[in-house]
């Protein structure tokens, strides 16, 4: 029966990781006992916790600042869009009104022109009738 060298290495790693885990548990138990004995988490642990809290507060303040900045930017952008839409609407209404006035003016000019043409035609018809009456 031969022994696989790879199996020995896996077994060795497993024993090593188990030993490390056991040592970690022992260290944690010792730490807990020291904390219970002293009645507090210790000055070092408190300082670490305070530093962590301060870092978290700074991170939250920075995130809040970014959020407020993006909200303000969105409000400014919305105001700019509203202003642009209002300007576009006013411009469109002015252009529509100018086009309508131009159309009405052209229509009035056409009416005047047709009236003039009708008057000229009527004048020629009367003159032709007069000539016919004179000639007969």
Foldseek 3Di string as FASTA:
>chain_A
DDDDVVVVVVVVVVVVVVVVVVVVVVVVVVLVVVCVVVVHNDPVVVVVVVVVVVVVVVVVVVVVVVVVVVVVVVVVVVVVVVVVVVVVVVVVVVVVVVVVVVVVVVVVVVVVVVVVVVVVVVVVVVVVVVVVVVVD
